[in-house]
């Protein structure tokens, strides 16, 4: 695992969409699961460039040089003393 950079944002968006498709296949319609890849790219880009607080981080997991997973975490929006995982 390592801290994500701007260069990782597109790959994080792909992993997000692909993992959602696998996890929720047959539960929700594909359109509801996948959404717009560009929208995910933009959202993860903002998360990296403009974190909600200094405690917010996006980490990526790599295997053979490819991004294969991610974790977004930071302070809770409700209670600053508590941490929260926002996405995996």
PDB file of N, CA and C in Angstrom:
ATOM      1  N   UNK A   1       0.860  -1.175   0.000  1.00  0.00           N
ATOM      2  CA  UNK A   1       0.000   0.000   0.000  1.00  0.00           C
ATOM      3  C   UNK A   1       0.900   1.229   0.000  1.00  0.00           C
ATOM      4  N   UNK A   2       0.394   2.243  -0.678  1.00  0.00           N
ATOM      5  CA  UNK A   2       1.101   3.521  -0.702  1.00  0.00           C
ATOM      6  C   UNK A   2       0.075   4.630  -0.899  1.00  0.00           C
ATOM      7  N   UNK A   3       0.488   5.843  -0.614  1.00  0.00           N
ATOM      8  CA  UNK A   3      -0.389   6.998  -0.816  1.00  0.00           C
ATOM      9  C   UNK A   3      -0.671   7.167  -2.310  1.00  0.00           C
ATOM     10  N   UNK A   4      -1.911   7.472  -2.636  1.00  0.00           N
ATOM     11  CA  UNK A   4      -2.304   7.700  -4.029  1.00  0.00           C
ATOM     12  C   UNK A   4      -1.808   9.069  -4.482  1.00  0.00           C
ATOM     13  N   UNK A   5      -1.547   9.165  -5.769  1.00  0.00           N
ATOM     14  CA  UNK A   5      -1.172  10.435  -6.381  1.00  0.00           C
ATOM     15  C   UNK A   5      -2.183  10.758  -7.476  1.00  0.00           C
ATOM     16  N   UNK A   6      -2.076  11.937  -8.028  1.00  0.00           N
ATOM     17  CA  UNK A   6      -2.927  12.340  -9.149  1.00  0.00           C
ATOM     18  C   UNK A   6      -2.839  11.334 -10.285  1.00  0.00           C
ATOM     19  N   UNK A   7      -1.650  10.774 -10.503  1.00  0.00           N
ATOM     20  CA  UNK A   7      -1.450   9.816 -11.589  1.00  0.00           C
ATOM     21  C   UNK A   7      -2.223   8.515 -11.372  1.00  0.00           C
ATOM     22  N   UNK A   8      -2.669   8.250 -10.147  1.00  0.00           N
ATOM     23  CA  UNK A   8      -3.392   7.017  -9.819  1.00  0.00           C
ATOM     24  C   UNK A   8      -4.908   7.128  -9.961  1.00  0.00           C
ATOM     25  N   UNK A   9      -5.401   8.324 -10.103  1.00  0.00           N
ATOM     26  CA  UNK A   9      -6.844   8.573 -10.030  1.00  0.00           C
ATOM     27  C   UNK A   9      -7.635   7.768 -11.060  1.00  0.00           C
ATOM     28  N   UNK A  10      -7.195   7.711 -12.299  1.00  0.00           N
ATOM     29  CA  UNK A  10      -7.932   6.974 -13.336  1.00  0.00           C
ATOM     30  C   UNK A  10      -8.011   5.491 -12.994  1.00  0.00           C
ATOM     31  N   UNK A  11      -6.903   4.909 -12.513  1.00  0.00           N
ATOM     32  CA  UNK A  11      -6.903   3.489 -12.159  1.00  0.00           C
ATOM     33  C   UNK A  11      -7.792   3.221 -10.945  1.00  0.00           C
ATOM     34  N   UNK A  12      -7.793   4.128  -9.974  1.00  0.00           N
ATOM     35  CA  UNK A  12      -8.672   3.971  -8.810  1.00  0.00           C
ATOM     36  C   UNK A  12     -10.129   3.974  -9.259  1.00  0.00           C
ATOM     37  N   UNK A  13     -10.486   4.855 -10.166  1.00  0.00           N
ATOM     38  CA  UNK A  13     -11.865   4.913 -10.671  1.00  0.00           C
ATOM     39  C   UNK A  13     -12.249   3.603 -11.351  1.00  0.00           C
ATOM     40  N   UNK A  14     -11.347   3.031 -12.135  1.00  0.00           N
ATOM     41  CA  UNK A  14     -11.627   1.756 -12.812  1.00  0.00           C
ATOM     42  C   UNK A  14     -11.817   0.641 -11.785  1.00  0.00           C
ATOM     43  N   UNK A  15     -10.930   0.565 -10.790  1.00  0.00           N
ATOM     44  CA  UNK A  15     -11.069  -0.461  -9.749  1.00  0.00           C
ATOM     45  C   UNK A  15     -12.387  -0.273  -8.997  1.00  0.00           C
ATOM     46  N   UNK A  16     -12.742   0.971  -8.704  1.00  0.00           N
ATOM     47  CA  UNK A  16     -13.990   1.269  -8.002  1.00  0.00           C
ATOM     48  C   UNK A  16     -15.190   0.746  -8.802  1.00  0.00           C
ATOM     49  N   UNK A  17     -15.242   1.083 -10.075  1.00  0.00           N
ATOM     50  CA  UNK A  17     -16.366   0.665 -10.921  1.00  0.00           C
ATOM     51  C   UNK A  17     -16.383  -0.852 -11.100  1.00  0.00           C
ATOM     52  N   UNK A  18     -15.235  -1.441 -11.409  1.00  0.00           N
ATOM     53  CA  UNK A  18     -15.177  -2.888 -11.636  1.00  0.00           C
ATOM     54  C   UNK A  18     -15.544  -3.677 -10.388  1.00  0.00           C
ATOM     55  N   UNK A  19     -15.038  -3.261  -9.220  1.00  0.00           N
ATOM     56  CA  UNK A  19     -15.341  -3.997  -7.991  1.00  0.00           C
ATOM     57  C   UNK A  19     -16.805  -3.833  -7.596  1.00  0.00           C
ATOM     58  N   UNK A  20     -17.373  -2.670  -7.850  1.00  0.00           N
ATOM     59  CA  UNK A  20     -18.804  -2.461  -7.571  1.00  0.00           C
ATOM     60  C   UNK A  20     -19.651  -3.353  -8.463  1.00  0.00           C
ATOM     61  N   UNK A  21     -19.263  -3.460  -9.718  1.00  0.00           N
ATOM     62  CA  UNK A  21     -20.010  -4.304 -10.663  1.00  0.00           C
ATOM     63  C   UNK A  21     -20.021  -5.754 -10.180  1.00  0.00           C
ATOM     64  N   UNK A  22     -18.872  -6.268  -9.743  1.00  0.00           N
ATOM     65  CA  UNK A  22     -18.782  -7.650  -9.275  1.00  0.00           C
ATOM     66  C   UNK A  22     -19.552  -7.832  -7.969  1.00  0.00           C
ATOM     67  N   UNK A  23     -19.390  -6.907  -7.038  1.00  0.00           N
ATOM     68  CA  UNK A  23     -20.019  -7.034  -5.715  1.00  0.00           C
ATOM     69  C   UNK A  23     -21.541  -6.973  -5.777  1.00  0.00           C
ATOM     70  N   UNK A  24     -22.077  -6.143  -6.663  1.00  0.00           N
ATOM     71  CA  UNK A  24     -23.524  -5.902  -6.664  1.00  0.00           C
ATOM     72  C   UNK A  24     -24.248  -6.470  -7.875  1.00  0.00           C
ATOM     73  N   UNK A  25     -23.549  -7.291  -8.684  1.00  0.00           N
ATOM     74  CA  UNK A  25     -24.187  -7.900  -9.848  1.00  0.00           C
ATOM     75  C   UNK A  25     -25.386  -8.735  -9.417  1.00  0.00           C
ATOM     76  N   UNK A  26     -26.497  -8.513 -10.068  1.00  0.00           N
ATOM     77  CA  UNK A  26     -27.715  -9.246  -9.742  1.00  0.00           C
ATOM     78  C   UNK A  26     -28.501  -8.633  -8.595  1.00  0.00           C
ATOM     79  N   UNK A  27     -27.909  -7.699  -7.887  1.00  0.00           N
ATOM     80  CA  UNK A  27     -28.594  -7.038  -6.777  1.00  0.00           C
ATOM     81  C   UNK A  27     -29.213  -5.732  -7.256  1.00  0.00           C
ATOM     82  N   UNK A  28     -28.443  -4.973  -8.034  1.00  0.00           N
ATOM     83  CA  UNK A  28     -28.893  -3.694  -8.582  1.00  0.00           C
ATOM     84  C   UNK A  28     -28.678  -3.697 -10.089  1.00  0.00           C
ATOM     85  N   UNK A  29     -29.429  -2.887 -10.814  1.00  0.00           N
ATOM     86  CA  UNK A  29     -29.195  -2.778 -12.254  1.00  0.00           C
ATOM     87  C   UNK A  29     -27.789  -2.227 -12.527  1.00  0.00           C
ATOM     88  N   UNK A  30     -27.163  -2.679 -13.633  1.00  0.00           N
ATOM     89  CA  UNK A  30     -25.808  -2.228 -13.968  1.00  0.00           C
ATOM     90  C   UNK A  30     -25.677  -0.715 -13.975  1.00  0.00           C
ATOM     91  N   UNK A  31     -26.647  -0.025 -14.516  1.00  0.00           N
ATOM     92  CA  UNK A  31     -26.573   1.444 -14.596  1.00  0.00           C
ATOM     93  C   UNK A  31     -26.483   2.066 -13.204  1.00  0.00           C
ATOM     94  N   UNK A  32     -27.154   1.477 -12.238  1.00  0.00           N
ATOM     95  CA  UNK A  32     -27.117   2.002 -10.871  1.00  0.00           C
ATOM     96  C   UNK A  32     -25.778   1.704 -10.202  1.00  0.00           C
ATOM     97  N   UNK A  33     -25.151   0.604 -10.578  1.00  0.00           N
ATOM     98  CA  UNK A  33     -23.888   0.200  -9.961  1.00  0.00           C
ATOM     99  C   UNK A  33     -22.724   0.996 -10.532  1.00  0.00           C
ATOM    100  N   UNK A  34     -22.610   0.993 -11.819  1.00  0.00           N
ATOM    101  CA  UNK A  34     -21.430   1.520 -12.480  1.00  0.00           C
ATOM    102  C   UNK A  34     -21.387   3.037 -12.461  1.00  0.00           C
ATOM    103  N   UNK A  35     -22.471   3.667 -12.793  1.00  0.00           N
ATOM    104  CA  UNK A  35     -22.450   5.116 -12.873  1.00  0.00           C
ATOM    105  C   UNK A  35     -21.536   5.563 -14.001  1.00  0.00           C
ATOM    106  N   UNK A  36     -21.049   6.729 -13.897  1.00  0.00           N
ATOM    107  CA  UNK A  36     -20.227   7.335 -14.934  1.00  0.00           C
ATOM    108  C   UNK A  36     -18.758   7.292 -14.513  1.00  0.00           C
ATOM    109  N   UNK A  37     -17.931   6.604 -15.296  1.00  0.00           N
ATOM    110  CA  UNK A  37     -16.512   6.476 -14.962  1.00  0.00           C
ATOM    111  C   UNK A  37     -15.851   7.851 -14.835  1.00  0.00           C
ATOM    112  N   UNK A  38     -16.204   8.777 -15.708  1.00  0.00           N
ATOM    113  CA  UNK A  38     -15.636  10.128 -15.626  1.00  0.00           C
ATOM    114  C   UNK A  38     -15.983  10.796 -14.304  1.00  0.00           C
ATOM    115  N   UNK A  39     -17.205  10.573 -13.838  1.00  0.00           N
ATOM    116  CA  UNK A  39     -17.629  11.151 -12.553  1.00  0.00           C
ATOM    117  C   UNK A  39     -16.788  10.593 -11.410  1.00  0.00           C
ATOM    118  N   UNK A  40     -16.518   9.286 -11.448  1.00  0.00           N
ATOM    119  CA  UNK A  40     -15.670   8.675 -10.412  1.00  0.00           C
ATOM    120  C   UNK A  40     -14.248   9.222 -10.503  1.00  0.00           C
ATOM    121  N   UNK A  41     -13.733   9.386 -11.715  1.00  0.00           N
ATOM    122  CA  UNK A  41     -12.386   9.939 -11.903  1.00  0.00           C
ATOM    123  C   UNK A  41     -12.297  11.338 -11.291  1.00  0.00           C
ATOM    124  N   UNK A  42     -13.294  12.142 -11.567  1.00  0.00           N
ATOM    125  CA  UNK A  42     -13.320  13.512 -11.026  1.00  0.00           C
ATOM    126  C   UNK A  42     -13.393  13.500  -9.505  1.00  0.00           C
ATOM    127  N   UNK A  43     -14.256  12.645  -8.961  1.00  0.00           N
ATOM    128  CA  UNK A  43     -14.427  12.586  -7.504  1.00  0.00           C
ATOM    129  C   UNK A  43     -13.137  12.136  -6.811  1.00  0.00           C
ATOM    130  N   UNK A  44     -12.478  11.094  -7.324  1.00  0.00           N
ATOM    131  CA  UNK A  44     -11.234  10.633  -6.701  1.00  0.00           C
ATOM    132  C   UNK A  44     -10.131  11.657  -6.887  1.00  0.00           C
ATOM    133  N   UNK A  45     -10.144  12.363  -8.000  1.00  0.00           N
ATOM    134  CA  UNK A  45      -9.173  13.436  -8.202  1.00  0.00           C
ATOM    135  C   UNK A  45      -9.312  14.525  -7.151  1.00  0.00           C
ATOM    136  N   UNK A  46     -10.557  14.915  -6.866  1.00  0.00           N
ATOM    137  CA  UNK A  46     -10.798  15.915  -5.821  1.00  0.00           C
ATOM    138  C   UNK A  46     -10.352  15.388  -4.456  1.00  0.00           C
ATOM    139  N   UNK A  47     -10.619  14.103  -4.195  1.00  0.00           N
ATOM    140  CA  UNK A  47     -10.241  13.516  -2.901  1.00  0.00           C
ATOM    141  C   UNK A  47      -8.732  13.595  -2.693  1.00  0.00           C
ATOM    142  N   UNK A  48      -7.965  13.392  -3.769  1.00  0.00           N
ATOM    143  CA  UNK A  48      -6.499  13.457  -3.675  1.00  0.00           C
ATOM    144  C   UNK A  48      -6.021  14.903  -3.592  1.00  0.00           C
ATOM    145  N   UNK A  49      -6.570  15.770  -4.433  1.00  0.00           N
ATOM    146  CA  UNK A  49      -6.111  17.172  -4.502  1.00  0.00           C
ATOM    147  C   UNK A  49      -6.583  18.020  -3.340  1.00  0.00           C
ATOM    148  N   UNK A  50      -7.812  17.782  -2.901  1.00  0.00           N
ATOM    149  CA  UNK A  50      -8.441  18.632  -1.893  1.00  0.00           C
ATOM    150  C   UNK A  50      -9.084  17.791  -0.796  1.00  0.00           C
ATOM    151  N   UNK A  51      -8.274  17.112   0.015  1.00  0.00           N
ATOM    152  CA  UNK A  51      -8.858  16.276   1.073  1.00  0.00           C
ATOM    153  C   UNK A  51      -9.713  17.113   2.031  1.00  0.00           C
ATOM    154  N   UNK A  52     -10.746  16.495   2.559  1.00  0.00           N
ATOM    155  CA  UNK A  52     -11.663  17.194   3.458  1.00  0.00           C
ATOM    156  C   UNK A  52     -10.974  17.663   4.740  1.00  0.00           C
ATOM    157  N   UNK A  53      -9.908  16.989   5.120  1.00  0.00           N
ATOM    158  CA  UNK A  53      -9.129  17.379   6.300  1.00  0.00           C
ATOM    159  C   UNK A  53      -7.716  16.831   6.127  1.00  0.00           C
ATOM    160  N   UNK A  54      -6.798  17.271   6.961  1.00  0.00           N
ATOM    161  CA  UNK A  54      -5.437  16.729   6.876  1.00  0.00           C
ATOM    162  C   UNK A  54      -5.371  15.229   7.171  1.00  0.00           C
ATOM    163  N   UNK A  55      -6.381  14.707   7.846  1.00  0.00           N
ATOM    164  CA  UNK A  55      -6.404  13.285   8.188  1.00  0.00           C
ATOM    165  C   UNK A  55      -6.927  12.404   7.062  1.00  0.00           C
ATOM    166  N   UNK A  56      -7.563  12.979   6.056  1.00  0.00           N
ATOM    167  CA  UNK A  56      -8.132  12.193   4.965  1.00  0.00           C
ATOM    168  C   UNK A  56      -7.032  11.717   4.023  1.00  0.00           C
ATOM    169  N   UNK A  57      -7.095  10.438   3.669  1.00  0.00           N
ATOM    170  CA  UNK A  57      -6.078   9.827   2.814  1.00  0.00           C
ATOM    171  C   UNK A  57      -6.734   8.863   1.820  1.00  0.00           C
ATOM    172  N   UNK A  58      -6.056   8.683   0.707  1.00  0.00           N
ATOM    173  CA  UNK A  58      -6.410   7.651  -0.260  1.00  0.00           C
ATOM    174  C   UNK A  58      -5.153   6.826  -0.465  1.00  0.00           C
ATOM    175  N   UNK A  59      -5.238   5.545  -0.148  1.00  0.00           N
ATOM    176  CA  UNK A  59      -4.124   4.623  -0.354  1.00  0.00           C
ATOM    177  C   UNK A  59      -4.468   3.704  -1.513  1.00  0.00           C
ATOM    178  N   UNK A  60      -3.448   3.250  -2.228  1.00  0.00           N
ATOM    179  CA  UNK A  60      -3.661   2.271  -3.290  1.00  0.00           C
ATOM    180  C   UNK A  60      -2.856   1.025  -2.978  1.00  0.00           C
ATOM    181  N   UNK A  61      -3.414  -0.118  -3.350  1.00  0.00           N
ATOM    182  CA  UNK A  61      -2.718  -1.404  -3.261  1.00  0.00           C
ATOM    183  C   UNK A  61      -2.258  -1.750  -4.664  1.00  0.00           C
ATOM    184  N   UNK A  62      -1.015  -2.216  -4.783  1.00  0.00           N
ATOM    185  CA  UNK A  62      -0.477  -2.556  -6.095  1.00  0.00           C
ATOM    186  C   UNK A  62       0.022  -3.995  -6.113  1.00  0.00           C
ATOM    187  N   UNK A  63      -0.022  -4.581  -7.295  1.00  0.00           N
ATOM    188  CA  UNK A  63       0.552  -5.909  -7.541  1.00  0.00           C
ATOM    189  C   UNK A  63       1.148  -5.852  -8.942  1.00  0.00           C
ATOM    190  N   UNK A  64       2.391  -6.203  -9.044  1.00  0.00           N
ATOM    191  CA  UNK A  64       3.105  -6.177 -10.327  1.00  0.00           C
ATOM    192  C   UNK A  64       2.985  -4.807 -11.007  1.00  0.00           C
ATOM    193  N   UNK A  65       3.018  -3.755 -10.186  1.00  0.00           N
ATOM    194  CA  UNK A  65       2.980  -2.406 -10.723  1.00  0.00           C
ATOM    195  C   UNK A  65       1.605  -1.884 -11.099  1.00  0.00           C
ATOM    196  N   UNK A  66       0.574  -2.695 -10.934  1.00  0.00           N
ATOM    197  CA  UNK A  66      -0.803  -2.298 -11.269  1.00  0.00           C
ATOM    198  C   UNK A  66      -1.587  -2.007  -9.991  1.00  0.00           C
ATOM    199  N   UNK A  67      -2.472  -1.025 -10.051  1.00  0.00           N
ATOM    200  CA  UNK A  67      -3.355  -0.745  -8.908  1.00  0.00           C
ATOM    201  C   UNK A  67      -4.465  -1.782  -8.896  1.00  0.00           C
ATOM    202  N   UNK A  68      -4.571  -2.493  -7.776  1.00  0.00           N
ATOM    203  CA  UNK A  68      -5.551  -3.567  -7.659  1.00  0.00           C
ATOM    204  C   UNK A  68      -6.564  -3.320  -6.541  1.00  0.00           C
ATOM    205  N   UNK A  69      -6.379  -2.256  -5.777  1.00  0.00           N
ATOM    206  CA  UNK A  69      -7.304  -1.941  -4.703  1.00  0.00           C
ATOM    207  C   UNK A  69      -7.013  -0.564  -4.152  1.00  0.00           C
ATOM    208  N   UNK A  70      -7.906  -0.089  -3.294  1.00  0.00           N
ATOM    209  CA  UNK A  70      -7.732   1.233  -2.698  1.00  0.00           C
ATOM    210  C   UNK A  70      -8.495   1.300  -1.386  1.00  0.00           C
ATOM    211  N   UNK A  71      -8.126   2.263  -0.572  1.00  0.00           N
ATOM    212  CA  UNK A  71      -8.840   2.536   0.675  1.00  0.00           C
ATOM    213  C   UNK A  71      -8.831   4.044   0.900  1.00  0.00           C
ATOM    214  N   UNK A  72      -9.997   4.583   1.156  1.00  0.00           N
ATOM    215  CA  UNK A  72     -10.144   6.011   1.459  1.00  0.00           C
ATOM    216  C   UNK A  72     -10.617   6.121   2.900  1.00  0.00           C
ATOM    217  N   UNK A  73      -9.917   6.927   3.676  1.00  0.00           N
ATOM    218  CA  UNK A  73     -10.275   7.043   5.089  1.00  0.00           C
ATOM    219  C   UNK A  73      -9.928   8.426   5.602  1.00  0.00           C
ATOM    220  N   UNK A  74     -10.445   8.725   6.777  1.00  0.00           N
ATOM    221  CA  UNK A  74     -10.162  10.009   7.389  1.00  0.00           C
ATOM    222  C   UNK A  74     -10.989  10.200   8.629  1.00  0.00           C
ATOM    223  N   UNK A  75     -11.014  11.431   9.087  1.00  0.00           N
ATOM    224  CA  UNK A  75     -11.812  11.767  10.262  1.00  0.00           C
ATOM    225  C   UNK A  75     -13.293  11.622   9.925  1.00  0.00           C
ATOM    226  N   UNK A  76     -14.061  11.225  10.908  1.00  0.00           N
ATOM    227  CA  UNK A  76     -15.503  11.136  10.728  1.00  0.00           C
ATOM    228  C   UNK A  76     -16.080  12.538  10.518  1.00  0.00           C
ATOM    229  N   UNK A  77     -17.068  12.643   9.671  1.00  0.00           N
ATOM    230  CA  UNK A  77     -17.719  13.939   9.453  1.00  0.00           C
ATOM    231  C   UNK A  77     -18.511  14.365  10.683  1.00  0.00           C
ATOM    232  N   UNK A  78     -18.955  13.370  11.464  1.00  0.00           N
ATOM    233  CA  UNK A  78     -19.797  13.650  12.617  1.00  0.00           C
ATOM    234  C   UNK A  78     -18.996  13.892  13.893  1.00  0.00           C
ATOM    235  N   UNK A  79     -17.918  13.156  14.046  1.00  0.00           N
ATOM    236  CA  UNK A  79     -17.170  13.189  15.301  1.00  0.00           C
ATOM    237  C   UNK A  79     -15.671  13.184  14.980  1.00  0.00           C
ATOM    238  N   UNK A  80     -15.032  14.330  15.067  1.00  0.00           N
ATOM    239  CA  UNK A  80     -13.639  14.496  14.633  1.00  0.00           C
ATOM    240  C   UNK A  80     -12.668  13.538  15.316  1.00  0.00           C
ATOM    241  N   UNK A  81     -12.955  13.121  16.527  1.00  0.00           N
ATOM    242  CA  UNK A  81     -12.030  12.248  17.251  1.00  0.00           C
ATOM    243  C   UNK A  81     -12.114  10.796  16.774  1.00  0.00           C
ATOM    244  N   UNK A  82     -13.046  10.513  15.867  1.00  0.00           N
ATOM    245  CA  UNK A  82     -13.261   9.162  15.389  1.00  0.00           C
ATOM    246  C   UNK A  82     -12.851   9.080  13.918  1.00  0.00           C
ATOM    247  N   UNK A  83     -12.150   7.999  13.554  1.00  0.00           N
ATOM    248  CA  UNK A  83     -11.794   7.790  12.161  1.00  0.00           C
ATOM    249  C   UNK A  83     -12.857   6.965  11.447  1.00  0.00           C
ATOM    250  N   UNK A  84     -12.830   7.035  10.126  1.00  0.00           N
ATOM    251  CA  UNK A  84     -13.841   6.326   9.353  1.00  0.00           C
ATOM    252  C   UNK A  84     -13.241   5.890   8.022  1.00  0.00           C
ATOM    253  N   UNK A  85     -13.581   4.681   7.592  1.00  0.00           N
ATOM    254  CA  UNK A  85     -13.239   4.211   6.251  1.00  0.00           C
ATOM    255  C   UNK A  85     -14.396   4.621   5.354  1.00  0.00           C
ATOM    256  N   UNK A  86     -14.081   5.388   4.318  1.00  0.00           N
ATOM    257  CA  UNK A  86     -15.116   5.888   3.411  1.00  0.00           C
ATOM    258  C   UNK A  86     -15.342   4.991   2.210  1.00  0.00           C
ATOM    259  N   UNK A  87     -14.307   4.320   1.745  1.00  0.00           N
ATOM    260  CA  UNK A  87     -14.455   3.421   0.591  1.00  0.00           C
ATOM    261  C   UNK A  87     -13.289   2.448   0.580  1.00  0.00           C
ATOM    262  N   UNK A  88     -13.578   1.234   0.108  1.00  0.00           N
ATOM    263  CA  UNK A  88     -12.538   0.210  -0.077  1.00  0.00           C
ATOM    264  C   UNK A  88     -12.859  -0.551  -1.335  1.00  0.00           C
TER     265      UNK A  88
END
